[in-house]
Amino acid sequence: MAGELGTGYTSVTEAHATVPEDKARILADIGANVEDVDASIRVLIDSGMSTPTLRDVARRGIDLRGTATWRSSMIVTAFGPWAALLFYAYYGDAHFKNLLESPE
């Protein structure tokens, strides 16, 4: 969705609507908040999602491209230490010593 939205997006005031009355109602609801809505949509396009925190971060000039994407390395980084801790808790210190010893 963010990809489609980002194609040629300039402002909410330039958006196309199949029903002109809908556009008029939406713009009336937006009122003087056009810049805020445009900023929210820009955050959505750049990061793939838009939250108050992300909008605040974007206002501070931080690049949000790819924020909502994840990689498998993130899972390993997040859960790897916990898995090692559970392994250690279950098998104990003696098993680790056996793993570290080189076979002769």
N, C-alpha and C. Protein backbone atom coordinates (compact mmCIF):
# COMPACT_ATOMS: atom_id res chain seq x y z
N MET A 1 0.82 -1.19 0.00
CA MET A 1 0.00 0.00 0.00
C MET A 1 0.87 1.25 0.00
N ALA A 2 1.90 1.28 0.84
CA ALA A 2 2.76 2.46 0.90
C ALA A 2 3.43 2.70 -0.44
N GLY A 3 3.76 1.62 -1.16
CA GLY A 3 4.36 1.77 -2.48
C GLY A 3 3.43 2.45 -3.46
N GLU A 4 2.18 2.03 -3.48
CA GLU A 4 1.19 2.67 -4.34
C GLU A 4 0.98 4.12 -3.94
N LEU A 5 0.92 4.36 -2.66
CA LEU A 5 0.70 5.70 -2.16
C LEU A 5 1.84 6.63 -2.54
N GLY A 6 3.05 6.12 -2.52
CA GLY A 6 4.21 6.94 -2.81
C GLY A 6 4.40 7.28 -4.27
N THR A 7 3.69 6.61 -5.15
CA THR A 7 3.83 6.86 -6.58
C THR A 7 3.15 8.17 -6.95
N GLY A 8 3.93 9.20 -7.09
CA GLY A 8 3.41 10.49 -7.52
C GLY A 8 2.70 11.30 -6.44
N TYR A 9 2.82 10.90 -5.18
CA TYR A 9 2.14 11.65 -4.11
C TYR A 9 2.82 13.00 -3.91
N THR A 10 2.00 14.05 -3.84
CA THR A 10 2.52 15.38 -3.55
C THR A 10 1.87 15.96 -2.30
N SER A 11 0.55 15.91 -2.23
CA SER A 11 -0.17 16.44 -1.08
C SER A 11 -1.58 15.88 -1.07
N VAL A 12 -2.18 15.87 0.10
CA VAL A 12 -3.55 15.40 0.22
C VAL A 12 -4.50 16.31 -0.57
N THR A 13 -4.11 17.55 -0.73
CA THR A 13 -4.97 18.47 -1.49
C THR A 13 -4.96 18.15 -2.98
N GLU A 14 -3.93 17.44 -3.45
CA GLU A 14 -3.81 17.06 -4.86
C GLU A 14 -4.36 15.66 -5.14
N ALA A 15 -4.85 14.99 -4.11
CA ALA A 15 -5.33 13.61 -4.27
C ALA A 15 -6.55 13.56 -5.19
N HIS A 16 -6.69 12.44 -5.88
CA HIS A 16 -7.83 12.23 -6.77
C HIS A 16 -8.88 11.42 -6.05
N ALA A 17 -10.13 11.71 -6.34
CA ALA A 17 -11.24 10.97 -5.74
C ALA A 17 -12.23 10.63 -6.84
N THR A 18 -12.77 9.42 -6.78
CA THR A 18 -13.77 9.04 -7.78
C THR A 18 -15.08 9.79 -7.55
N VAL A 19 -15.32 10.18 -6.31
CA VAL A 19 -16.52 10.96 -5.98
C VAL A 19 -16.06 12.32 -5.45
N PRO A 20 -16.23 13.37 -6.22
CA PRO A 20 -15.74 14.69 -5.81
C PRO A 20 -16.28 15.16 -4.46
N GLU A 21 -17.49 14.78 -4.12
CA GLU A 21 -18.07 15.18 -2.84
C GLU A 21 -17.30 14.55 -1.67
N ASP A 22 -16.81 13.33 -1.88
CA ASP A 22 -16.00 12.68 -0.84
C ASP A 22 -14.72 13.47 -0.59
N LYS A 23 -14.06 13.89 -1.66
CA LYS A 23 -12.84 14.68 -1.51
C LYS A 23 -13.13 15.98 -0.78
N ALA A 24 -14.23 16.62 -1.13
CA ALA A 24 -14.59 17.88 -0.47
C ALA A 24 -14.83 17.67 1.02
N ARG A 25 -15.52 16.57 1.38
CA ARG A 25 -15.77 16.27 2.80
C ARG A 25 -14.48 15.96 3.55
N ILE A 26 -13.62 15.19 2.92
CA ILE A 26 -12.35 14.83 3.56
C ILE A 26 -11.50 16.07 3.79
N LEU A 27 -11.39 16.91 2.77
CA LEU A 27 -10.60 18.13 2.91
C LEU A 27 -11.21 19.08 3.93
N ALA A 28 -12.54 19.10 4.03
CA ALA A 28 -13.19 19.92 5.05
C ALA A 28 -12.86 19.40 6.45
N ASP A 29 -12.82 18.06 6.60
CA ASP A 29 -12.45 17.47 7.90
C ASP A 29 -10.99 17.77 8.25
N ILE A 30 -10.14 17.74 7.25
CA ILE A 30 -8.73 18.02 7.48
C ILE A 30 -8.53 19.49 7.86
N GLY A 31 -9.26 20.36 7.22
CA GLY A 31 -9.21 21.79 7.54
C GLY A 31 -7.81 22.36 7.44
N ALA A 32 -7.38 23.01 8.51
CA ALA A 32 -6.07 23.67 8.54
C ALA A 32 -4.93 22.70 8.84
N ASN A 33 -5.22 21.42 8.97
CA ASN A 33 -4.21 20.42 9.33
C ASN A 33 -3.57 19.75 8.12
N VAL A 34 -3.59 20.41 6.97
CA VAL A 34 -3.06 19.81 5.75
C VAL A 34 -1.59 19.43 5.91
N GLU A 35 -0.80 20.29 6.51
CA GLU A 35 0.63 19.99 6.68
C GLU A 35 0.84 18.77 7.58
N ASP A 36 0.03 18.65 8.64
CA ASP A 36 0.14 17.49 9.54
C ASP A 36 -0.24 16.20 8.82
N VAL A 37 -1.30 16.26 8.02
CA VAL A 37 -1.74 15.07 7.28
C VAL A 37 -0.69 14.69 6.24
N ASP A 38 -0.16 15.69 5.53
CA ASP A 38 0.90 15.40 4.56
C ASP A 38 2.12 14.79 5.23
N ALA A 39 2.48 15.29 6.41
CA ALA A 39 3.62 14.72 7.14
C ALA A 39 3.34 13.28 7.55
N SER A 40 2.12 13.00 8.00
CA SER A 40 1.75 11.62 8.37
C SER A 40 1.83 10.69 7.18
N ILE A 41 1.36 11.15 6.04
CA ILE A 41 1.40 10.32 4.84
C ILE A 41 2.84 10.13 4.38
N ARG A 42 3.68 11.15 4.51
CA ARG A 42 5.09 11.01 4.15
C ARG A 42 5.77 9.96 5.04
N VAL A 43 5.45 9.96 6.34
CA VAL A 43 6.00 8.95 7.25
C VAL A 43 5.52 7.56 6.82
N LEU A 44 4.25 7.44 6.46
CA LEU A 44 3.70 6.16 6.00
C LEU A 44 4.42 5.68 4.75
N ILE A 45 4.65 6.58 3.81
CA ILE A 45 5.35 6.21 2.58
C ILE A 45 6.79 5.78 2.88
N ASP A 46 7.48 6.54 3.71
CA ASP A 46 8.89 6.26 3.99
C ASP A 46 9.11 5.01 4.83
N SER A 47 8.25 4.81 5.83
CA SER A 47 8.53 3.73 6.79
C SER A 47 7.62 2.52 6.63
N GLY A 48 6.50 2.67 5.97
CA GLY A 48 5.56 1.56 5.84
C GLY A 48 4.50 1.56 6.92
N MET A 49 4.60 2.48 7.87
CA MET A 49 3.59 2.63 8.92
C MET A 49 3.70 4.05 9.47
N SER A 50 2.67 4.47 10.18
CA SER A 50 2.69 5.82 10.74
C SER A 50 2.12 5.78 12.15
N THR A 51 2.93 6.16 13.10
CA THR A 51 2.51 6.22 14.51
C THR A 51 2.91 7.60 15.05
N PRO A 52 2.33 8.02 16.16
CA PRO A 52 2.74 9.31 16.73
C PRO A 52 4.25 9.37 17.00
N THR A 53 4.82 8.29 17.48
CA THR A 53 6.26 8.28 17.76
C THR A 53 7.08 8.42 16.48
N LEU A 54 6.69 7.70 15.43
CA LEU A 54 7.43 7.81 14.16
C LEU A 54 7.29 9.20 13.58
N ARG A 55 6.12 9.81 13.69
CA ARG A 55 5.95 11.17 13.19
C ARG A 55 6.83 12.15 13.96
N ASP A 56 6.96 11.95 15.27
CA ASP A 56 7.83 12.79 16.08
C ASP A 56 9.28 12.61 15.67
N VAL A 57 9.68 11.38 15.44
CA VAL A 57 11.05 11.09 15.01
C VAL A 57 11.31 11.73 13.65
N ALA A 58 10.35 11.64 12.74
CA ALA A 58 10.51 12.24 11.41
C ALA A 58 10.64 13.76 11.50
N ARG A 59 9.90 14.38 12.41
CA ARG A 59 10.00 15.83 12.60
C ARG A 59 11.40 16.23 13.05
N ARG A 60 12.10 15.31 13.70
CA ARG A 60 13.46 15.59 14.17
C ARG A 60 14.50 15.34 13.08
N GLY A 61 14.04 14.94 11.90
CA GLY A 61 14.94 14.79 10.76
C GLY A 61 15.55 13.41 10.59
N ILE A 62 15.04 12.40 11.28
CA ILE A 62 15.58 11.04 11.17
C ILE A 62 15.00 10.37 9.93
N ASP A 63 15.85 9.70 9.16
CA ASP A 63 15.40 8.97 7.96
C ASP A 63 14.67 7.70 8.38
N LEU A 64 13.42 7.56 7.96
CA LEU A 64 12.60 6.42 8.38
C LEU A 64 12.43 5.36 7.30
N ARG A 65 13.14 5.49 6.20
CA ARG A 65 12.96 4.50 5.13
C ARG A 65 13.29 3.09 5.63
N GLY A 66 12.37 2.17 5.40
CA GLY A 66 12.58 0.78 5.78
C GLY A 66 12.33 0.46 7.24
N THR A 67 11.75 1.37 7.98
CA THR A 67 11.53 1.15 9.42
C THR A 67 10.66 -0.07 9.69
N ALA A 68 9.65 -0.29 8.88
CA ALA A 68 8.71 -1.38 9.15
C ALA A 68 9.16 -2.72 8.58
N THR A 69 10.32 -2.76 7.95
CA THR A 69 10.80 -4.04 7.42
C THR A 69 11.59 -4.79 8.48
N TRP A 70 11.63 -6.09 8.39
CA TRP A 70 12.39 -6.89 9.34
C TRP A 70 13.24 -7.89 8.57
N ARG A 71 14.26 -8.35 9.24
CA ARG A 71 15.18 -9.34 8.67
C ARG A 71 15.34 -10.48 9.65
N SER A 72 15.68 -11.64 9.14
CA SER A 72 15.83 -12.80 10.02
C SER A 72 16.95 -12.58 11.04
N SER A 73 17.93 -11.79 10.70
CA SER A 73 19.02 -11.53 11.66
C SER A 73 18.50 -10.81 12.90
N MET A 74 17.42 -10.06 12.75
CA MET A 74 16.83 -9.39 13.91
C MET A 74 16.29 -10.41 14.92
N ILE A 75 15.72 -11.49 14.40
CA ILE A 75 15.18 -12.53 15.29
C ILE A 75 16.33 -13.22 16.03
N VAL A 76 17.40 -13.53 15.30
CA VAL A 76 18.55 -14.17 15.94
C VAL A 76 19.15 -13.26 16.99
N THR A 77 19.26 -11.98 16.67
CA THR A 77 19.83 -11.03 17.62
C THR A 77 18.94 -10.89 18.86
N ALA A 78 17.64 -10.90 18.65
CA ALA A 78 16.71 -10.71 19.77
C ALA A 78 16.58 -11.97 20.64
N PHE A 79 16.52 -13.14 20.01
CA PHE A 79 16.24 -14.35 20.76
C PHE A 79 17.46 -15.25 20.99
N GLY A 80 18.54 -15.01 20.28
CA GLY A 80 19.75 -15.83 20.44
C GLY A 80 20.28 -15.83 21.86
N PRO A 81 20.45 -14.67 22.48
CA PRO A 81 20.95 -14.68 23.86
C PRO A 81 20.03 -15.42 24.83
N TRP A 82 18.73 -15.29 24.62
CA TRP A 82 17.79 -16.00 25.49
C TRP A 82 17.91 -17.51 25.30
N ALA A 83 18.06 -17.94 24.06
CA ALA A 83 18.21 -19.37 23.79
C ALA A 83 19.49 -19.90 24.44
N ALA A 84 20.57 -19.12 24.34
CA ALA A 84 21.83 -19.54 24.98
C ALA A 84 21.69 -19.61 26.49
N LEU A 85 21.00 -18.67 27.07
CA LEU A 85 20.78 -18.67 28.51
C LEU A 85 19.96 -19.89 28.95
N LEU A 86 18.89 -20.19 28.20
CA LEU A 86 18.08 -21.37 28.53
C LEU A 86 18.88 -22.65 28.36
N PHE A 87 19.70 -22.72 27.31
CA PHE A 87 20.56 -23.89 27.09
C PHE A 87 21.51 -24.06 28.27
N TYR A 88 22.12 -22.96 28.69
CA TYR A 88 23.04 -22.99 29.82
C TYR A 88 22.31 -23.39 31.10
N ALA A 89 21.12 -22.84 31.32
CA ALA A 89 20.36 -23.15 32.53
C ALA A 89 19.98 -24.63 32.56
N TYR A 90 19.67 -25.19 31.41
CA TYR A 90 19.25 -26.59 31.36
C TYR A 90 20.43 -27.56 31.47
N TYR A 91 21.49 -27.31 30.70
CA TYR A 91 22.60 -28.26 30.65
C TYR A 91 23.71 -27.94 31.64
N GLY A 92 23.81 -26.71 32.06
CA GLY A 92 24.81 -26.35 33.06
C GLY A 92 26.19 -26.09 32.47
N ASP A 93 27.08 -25.75 33.35
CA ASP A 93 28.43 -25.36 32.99
C ASP A 93 29.25 -26.51 32.40
N ALA A 94 29.03 -27.71 32.89
CA ALA A 94 29.83 -28.86 32.45
C ALA A 94 29.66 -29.12 30.95
N HIS A 95 28.45 -28.96 30.45
CA HIS A 95 28.21 -29.20 29.03
C HIS A 95 28.94 -28.17 28.17
N PHE A 96 28.98 -26.93 28.61
CA PHE A 96 29.70 -25.90 27.87
C PHE A 96 31.19 -26.20 27.84
N LYS A 97 31.75 -26.69 28.93
CA LYS A 97 33.17 -27.03 28.94
C LYS A 97 33.47 -28.12 27.93
N ASN A 98 32.55 -29.10 27.80
CA ASN A 98 32.73 -30.17 26.83
C ASN A 98 32.67 -29.63 25.40
N LEU A 99 31.81 -28.64 25.15
CA LEU A 99 31.70 -28.06 23.82
C LEU A 99 32.96 -27.29 23.44
N LEU A 100 33.58 -26.67 24.41
CA LEU A 100 34.75 -25.83 24.14
C LEU A 100 36.05 -26.60 24.07
N GLU A 101 36.08 -27.79 24.63
CA GLU A 101 37.29 -28.59 24.57
C GLU A 101 37.49 -29.16 23.17
N SER A 102 38.72 -29.13 22.70
CA SER A 102 38.99 -29.65 21.38
C SER A 102 39.27 -31.15 21.47
N PRO A 103 38.79 -31.90 20.51
CA PRO A 103 39.06 -33.36 20.53
C PRO A 103 40.53 -33.60 20.21
N GLU A 104 41.09 -34.56 20.88
CA GLU A 104 42.51 -34.85 20.67
C GLU A 104 42.73 -36.04 19.80
